[in-house]
């Protein structure tokens, strides 16, 4: 386990698709900027249930599309073997990672 801080999670659904959004709780409502890039961690989009690290791990395992914002949330996914450090983007020292888990025959 990491530091015992919480994550804010919600699942947005559209048709047959669902996206797990997870953010380090302390980033909710903050603006992250670096150079020409800026992102507002808007509570209207990101706010939801508070979970501990185990709760986040369970949700990452059970969702096929995962949108992570925050150094702690991204590290949980990397520690689990989801995603790669090469796929992580950083704005203003804050990490972002999107995971797509494909299953079935294509």
N, C-alpha and C. Protein backbone atom coordinates (compact mmCIF):
# COMPACT_ATOMS: atom_id res chain seq x y z
N UNK A 1 0.85 -1.18 0.00
CA UNK A 1 0.00 0.00 0.00
C UNK A 1 0.89 1.24 0.00
N UNK A 2 0.35 2.30 -0.58
CA UNK A 2 1.12 3.54 -0.64
C UNK A 2 0.96 4.32 0.65
N UNK A 3 0.41 5.51 0.63
CA UNK A 3 0.43 6.39 1.80
C UNK A 3 -0.90 6.51 2.53
N UNK A 4 -1.90 5.73 2.17
CA UNK A 4 -3.18 5.78 2.87
C UNK A 4 -4.11 6.89 2.43
N UNK A 5 -3.68 7.76 1.51
CA UNK A 5 -4.55 8.81 1.00
C UNK A 5 -5.59 8.19 0.07
N UNK A 6 -6.69 8.91 -0.12
CA UNK A 6 -7.79 8.38 -0.92
C UNK A 6 -7.72 8.82 -2.38
N UNK A 7 -8.50 8.12 -3.19
CA UNK A 7 -8.67 8.42 -4.60
C UNK A 7 -10.15 8.72 -4.83
N UNK A 8 -10.44 9.58 -5.79
CA UNK A 8 -11.82 9.87 -6.17
C UNK A 8 -12.06 9.12 -7.48
N UNK A 9 -13.13 8.32 -7.51
CA UNK A 9 -13.40 7.50 -8.69
C UNK A 9 -14.86 7.65 -9.12
N UNK A 10 -15.08 7.51 -10.42
CA UNK A 10 -16.43 7.41 -10.95
C UNK A 10 -16.36 6.67 -12.26
N UNK A 11 -17.49 6.14 -12.67
CA UNK A 11 -17.58 5.43 -13.94
C UNK A 11 -18.59 6.15 -14.81
N UNK A 12 -18.13 6.57 -15.98
CA UNK A 12 -18.98 7.24 -16.96
C UNK A 12 -19.33 6.23 -18.03
N UNK A 13 -20.62 6.07 -18.32
CA UNK A 13 -21.07 5.10 -19.32
C UNK A 13 -21.71 5.81 -20.49
N UNK A 14 -21.49 5.23 -21.67
CA UNK A 14 -22.13 5.71 -22.89
C UNK A 14 -22.34 4.49 -23.78
N UNK A 15 -23.59 4.09 -23.90
CA UNK A 15 -23.87 2.90 -24.70
C UNK A 15 -23.22 1.68 -24.07
N UNK A 16 -22.43 0.96 -24.86
CA UNK A 16 -21.78 -0.25 -24.36
C UNK A 16 -20.43 0.02 -23.70
N UNK A 17 -20.00 1.27 -23.69
CA UNK A 17 -18.69 1.61 -23.14
C UNK A 17 -18.80 2.25 -21.77
N UNK A 18 -17.85 1.92 -20.92
CA UNK A 18 -17.76 2.54 -19.60
C UNK A 18 -16.31 2.92 -19.37
N UNK A 19 -16.09 4.08 -18.79
CA UNK A 19 -14.74 4.56 -18.50
C UNK A 19 -14.63 4.82 -17.00
N UNK A 20 -13.64 4.19 -16.40
CA UNK A 20 -13.31 4.48 -15.00
C UNK A 20 -12.42 5.70 -14.98
N UNK A 21 -12.84 6.74 -14.27
CA UNK A 21 -12.02 7.92 -14.03
C UNK A 21 -11.55 7.86 -12.59
N UNK A 22 -10.25 8.05 -12.37
CA UNK A 22 -9.72 8.04 -11.02
C UNK A 22 -8.68 9.15 -10.90
N UNK A 23 -8.75 9.87 -9.80
CA UNK A 23 -7.84 10.99 -9.57
C UNK A 23 -7.39 10.97 -8.11
N UNK A 24 -6.15 11.37 -7.88
CA UNK A 24 -5.69 11.56 -6.50
C UNK A 24 -6.60 12.61 -5.86
N UNK A 25 -7.16 12.30 -4.70
CA UNK A 25 -8.18 13.17 -4.09
C UNK A 25 -7.72 14.62 -3.96
N UNK A 26 -6.47 14.85 -3.62
CA UNK A 26 -5.98 16.20 -3.38
C UNK A 26 -5.91 17.05 -4.65
N UNK A 27 -6.07 16.44 -5.84
CA UNK A 27 -6.01 17.18 -7.10
C UNK A 27 -7.37 17.69 -7.56
N UNK A 28 -8.44 17.18 -6.97
CA UNK A 28 -9.80 17.57 -7.38
C UNK A 28 -9.96 19.08 -7.24
N UNK A 29 -10.38 19.74 -8.32
CA UNK A 29 -10.59 21.18 -8.31
C UNK A 29 -9.34 22.00 -8.61
N UNK A 30 -8.22 21.36 -8.87
CA UNK A 30 -6.96 22.07 -9.16
C UNK A 30 -6.78 22.26 -10.66
N UNK A 31 -6.02 23.29 -11.03
CA UNK A 31 -5.61 23.50 -12.42
C UNK A 31 -4.13 23.13 -12.52
N UNK A 32 -3.84 22.29 -13.49
CA UNK A 32 -2.47 21.83 -13.74
C UNK A 32 -2.02 22.49 -15.03
N UNK A 33 -0.85 23.14 -15.01
CA UNK A 33 -0.36 23.85 -16.19
C UNK A 33 1.12 23.63 -16.39
N UNK A 34 1.50 23.63 -17.67
CA UNK A 34 2.91 23.60 -18.04
C UNK A 34 3.01 24.06 -19.48
N UNK A 35 3.70 25.16 -19.70
CA UNK A 35 3.82 25.70 -21.05
C UNK A 35 2.45 25.97 -21.63
N UNK A 36 2.21 25.44 -22.83
CA UNK A 36 0.93 25.65 -23.53
C UNK A 36 -0.17 24.72 -23.04
N UNK A 37 0.16 23.78 -22.16
CA UNK A 37 -0.81 22.79 -21.70
C UNK A 37 -1.41 23.19 -20.36
N UNK A 38 -2.72 22.99 -20.25
CA UNK A 38 -3.42 23.29 -19.01
C UNK A 38 -4.60 22.35 -18.89
N UNK A 39 -4.85 21.86 -17.69
CA UNK A 39 -5.99 20.97 -17.46
C UNK A 39 -6.58 21.30 -16.11
N UNK A 40 -7.89 21.46 -16.09
CA UNK A 40 -8.61 21.68 -14.85
C UNK A 40 -9.21 20.35 -14.43
N UNK A 41 -8.92 19.92 -13.23
CA UNK A 41 -9.46 18.67 -12.69
C UNK A 41 -10.84 19.01 -12.13
N UNK A 42 -11.79 19.09 -13.04
CA UNK A 42 -13.12 19.61 -12.76
C UNK A 42 -13.94 18.63 -11.91
N UNK A 43 -14.36 19.07 -10.72
CA UNK A 43 -15.19 18.20 -9.88
C UNK A 43 -16.49 17.78 -10.56
N UNK A 44 -17.01 18.61 -11.48
CA UNK A 44 -18.25 18.24 -12.17
C UNK A 44 -18.05 16.98 -13.02
N UNK A 45 -16.82 16.71 -13.43
CA UNK A 45 -16.53 15.50 -14.22
C UNK A 45 -15.92 14.40 -13.35
N UNK A 46 -14.96 14.76 -12.52
CA UNK A 46 -14.17 13.76 -11.80
C UNK A 46 -14.72 13.34 -10.45
N UNK A 47 -15.57 14.16 -9.82
CA UNK A 47 -15.99 13.85 -8.45
C UNK A 47 -16.84 12.57 -8.42
N UNK A 48 -16.70 11.85 -7.33
CA UNK A 48 -17.44 10.61 -7.16
C UNK A 48 -17.13 9.99 -5.82
N UNK A 49 -17.07 8.69 -5.79
CA UNK A 49 -16.82 7.94 -4.57
C UNK A 49 -15.35 8.02 -4.17
N UNK A 50 -15.10 8.02 -2.87
CA UNK A 50 -13.72 7.97 -2.35
C UNK A 50 -13.39 6.52 -2.05
N UNK A 51 -12.22 6.08 -2.53
CA UNK A 51 -11.78 4.71 -2.27
C UNK A 51 -10.32 4.72 -1.84
N UNK A 52 -9.94 3.66 -1.13
CA UNK A 52 -8.53 3.50 -0.76
C UNK A 52 -7.80 2.80 -1.91
N UNK A 53 -6.53 2.50 -1.71
CA UNK A 53 -5.74 1.90 -2.78
C UNK A 53 -6.30 0.55 -3.22
N UNK A 54 -6.75 -0.27 -2.28
CA UNK A 54 -7.30 -1.57 -2.67
C UNK A 54 -8.56 -1.40 -3.51
N UNK A 55 -9.39 -0.44 -3.16
CA UNK A 55 -10.59 -0.16 -3.94
C UNK A 55 -10.24 0.27 -5.36
N UNK A 56 -9.20 1.10 -5.49
CA UNK A 56 -8.75 1.53 -6.82
C UNK A 56 -8.22 0.33 -7.60
N UNK A 57 -7.44 -0.51 -6.96
CA UNK A 57 -6.92 -1.71 -7.63
C UNK A 57 -8.05 -2.58 -8.17
N UNK A 58 -9.08 -2.80 -7.36
CA UNK A 58 -10.22 -3.61 -7.77
C UNK A 58 -10.91 -3.00 -8.99
N UNK A 59 -11.09 -1.69 -9.00
CA UNK A 59 -11.75 -1.01 -10.11
C UNK A 59 -10.90 -1.04 -11.38
N UNK A 60 -9.59 -0.87 -11.24
CA UNK A 60 -8.71 -0.95 -12.41
C UNK A 60 -8.80 -2.34 -13.03
N UNK A 61 -8.80 -3.38 -12.19
CA UNK A 61 -8.90 -4.76 -12.69
C UNK A 61 -10.21 -5.01 -13.43
N UNK A 62 -11.31 -4.40 -12.97
CA UNK A 62 -12.63 -4.75 -13.48
C UNK A 62 -13.15 -3.83 -14.59
N UNK A 63 -12.38 -2.84 -15.01
CA UNK A 63 -12.82 -1.94 -16.08
C UNK A 63 -11.84 -2.00 -17.25
N UNK A 64 -12.38 -1.93 -18.47
CA UNK A 64 -11.53 -2.07 -19.64
C UNK A 64 -10.96 -0.75 -20.15
N UNK A 65 -11.56 0.37 -19.76
CA UNK A 65 -11.01 1.68 -20.10
C UNK A 65 -10.83 2.46 -18.80
N UNK A 66 -9.61 2.91 -18.56
CA UNK A 66 -9.28 3.56 -17.29
C UNK A 66 -8.54 4.86 -17.57
N UNK A 67 -9.03 5.95 -17.01
CA UNK A 67 -8.43 7.27 -17.15
C UNK A 67 -7.91 7.68 -15.77
N UNK A 68 -6.60 7.78 -15.64
CA UNK A 68 -5.98 8.07 -14.34
C UNK A 68 -5.30 9.44 -14.35
N UNK A 69 -5.51 10.20 -13.28
CA UNK A 69 -4.88 11.51 -13.11
C UNK A 69 -4.27 11.54 -11.72
N UNK A 70 -2.97 11.81 -11.67
CA UNK A 70 -2.30 11.94 -10.38
C UNK A 70 -1.16 10.93 -10.25
N UNK A 71 -0.12 11.37 -9.59
CA UNK A 71 1.07 10.53 -9.44
C UNK A 71 0.77 9.24 -8.69
N UNK A 72 -0.07 9.32 -7.65
CA UNK A 72 -0.38 8.12 -6.87
C UNK A 72 -1.23 7.14 -7.66
N UNK A 73 -2.29 7.64 -8.31
CA UNK A 73 -3.19 6.76 -9.08
C UNK A 73 -2.43 6.08 -10.21
N UNK A 74 -1.61 6.83 -10.93
CA UNK A 74 -0.83 6.25 -12.02
C UNK A 74 0.14 5.20 -11.49
N UNK A 75 0.76 5.46 -10.36
CA UNK A 75 1.72 4.50 -9.81
C UNK A 75 1.04 3.19 -9.41
N UNK A 76 -0.18 3.26 -8.92
CA UNK A 76 -0.93 2.05 -8.57
C UNK A 76 -1.07 1.18 -9.82
N UNK A 77 -1.49 1.77 -10.94
CA UNK A 77 -1.67 1.01 -12.18
C UNK A 77 -0.34 0.43 -12.67
N UNK A 78 0.71 1.22 -12.63
CA UNK A 78 2.03 0.74 -13.07
C UNK A 78 2.48 -0.42 -12.18
N UNK A 79 2.31 -0.29 -10.87
CA UNK A 79 2.68 -1.36 -9.93
C UNK A 79 1.90 -2.65 -10.21
N UNK A 80 0.68 -2.51 -10.73
CA UNK A 80 -0.16 -3.67 -11.04
C UNK A 80 0.21 -4.30 -12.38
N UNK A 81 1.07 -3.64 -13.14
CA UNK A 81 1.45 -4.16 -14.46
C UNK A 81 0.57 -3.66 -15.59
N UNK A 82 -0.31 -2.67 -15.29
CA UNK A 82 -1.14 -2.07 -16.34
C UNK A 82 -0.45 -0.80 -16.80
N UNK A 83 -0.34 -0.65 -18.09
CA UNK A 83 0.31 0.54 -18.61
C UNK A 83 1.82 0.42 -18.53
N UNK A 84 2.46 1.37 -19.12
CA UNK A 84 3.92 1.41 -19.18
C UNK A 84 4.37 2.82 -18.83
N UNK A 85 5.53 2.94 -18.25
CA UNK A 85 6.06 4.27 -17.94
C UNK A 85 6.17 5.11 -19.21
N UNK A 86 6.40 4.44 -20.36
CA UNK A 86 6.50 5.16 -21.64
C UNK A 86 5.18 5.80 -22.04
N UNK A 87 4.06 5.27 -21.54
CA UNK A 87 2.73 5.79 -21.90
C UNK A 87 2.28 6.92 -20.98
N UNK A 88 3.00 7.15 -19.90
CA UNK A 88 2.63 8.18 -18.93
C UNK A 88 3.00 9.56 -19.48
N UNK A 89 2.08 10.48 -19.37
CA UNK A 89 2.33 11.88 -19.73
C UNK A 89 2.34 12.69 -18.45
N UNK A 90 3.11 13.78 -18.48
CA UNK A 90 3.25 14.62 -17.29
C UNK A 90 3.00 16.07 -17.67
N UNK A 91 2.13 16.72 -16.92
CA UNK A 91 1.89 18.16 -17.07
C UNK A 91 2.05 18.78 -15.69
N UNK A 92 2.95 19.73 -15.58
CA UNK A 92 3.16 20.41 -14.31
C UNK A 92 3.52 19.47 -13.17
N UNK A 93 4.24 18.40 -13.49
CA UNK A 93 4.67 17.44 -12.47
C UNK A 93 3.61 16.42 -12.10
N UNK A 94 2.44 16.46 -12.74
CA UNK A 94 1.35 15.53 -12.45
C UNK A 94 1.24 14.52 -13.58
N UNK A 95 1.18 13.24 -13.23
CA UNK A 95 1.13 12.16 -14.21
C UNK A 95 -0.30 11.87 -14.65
N UNK A 96 -0.43 11.46 -15.93
CA UNK A 96 -1.68 11.07 -16.54
C UNK A 96 -1.46 9.76 -17.29
N UNK A 97 -2.44 8.87 -17.25
CA UNK A 97 -2.34 7.61 -17.98
C UNK A 97 -3.73 7.14 -18.37
N UNK A 98 -3.88 6.73 -19.61
CA UNK A 98 -5.12 6.11 -20.09
C UNK A 98 -4.80 4.68 -20.46
N UNK A 99 -5.62 3.75 -19.97
CA UNK A 99 -5.42 2.33 -20.22
C UNK A 99 -6.61 1.80 -21.00
N UNK A 100 -6.33 1.07 -22.07
CA UNK A 100 -7.35 0.35 -22.83
C UNK A 100 -7.00 -1.12 -22.76
N UNK A 101 -7.88 -1.93 -22.22
CA UNK A 101 -7.66 -3.38 -22.15
C UNK A 101 -8.54 -4.02 -23.19
N UNK A 102 -7.93 -4.60 -24.20
CA UNK A 102 -8.67 -5.25 -25.27
C UNK A 102 -8.78 -6.73 -25.00
N UNK A 103 -9.96 -7.26 -25.15
CA UNK A 103 -10.20 -8.69 -24.97
C UNK A 103 -11.04 -9.19 -26.13
N UNK A 104 -10.94 -10.47 -26.41
CA UNK A 104 -11.73 -11.05 -27.50
C UNK A 104 -10.92 -11.16 -28.77
N UNK A 105 -11.60 -11.50 -29.85
CA UNK A 105 -10.95 -11.67 -31.15
C UNK A 105 -11.14 -10.43 -32.00
N UNK A 106 -10.05 -9.97 -32.59
CA UNK A 106 -10.11 -8.78 -33.46
C UNK A 106 -9.52 -9.12 -34.80
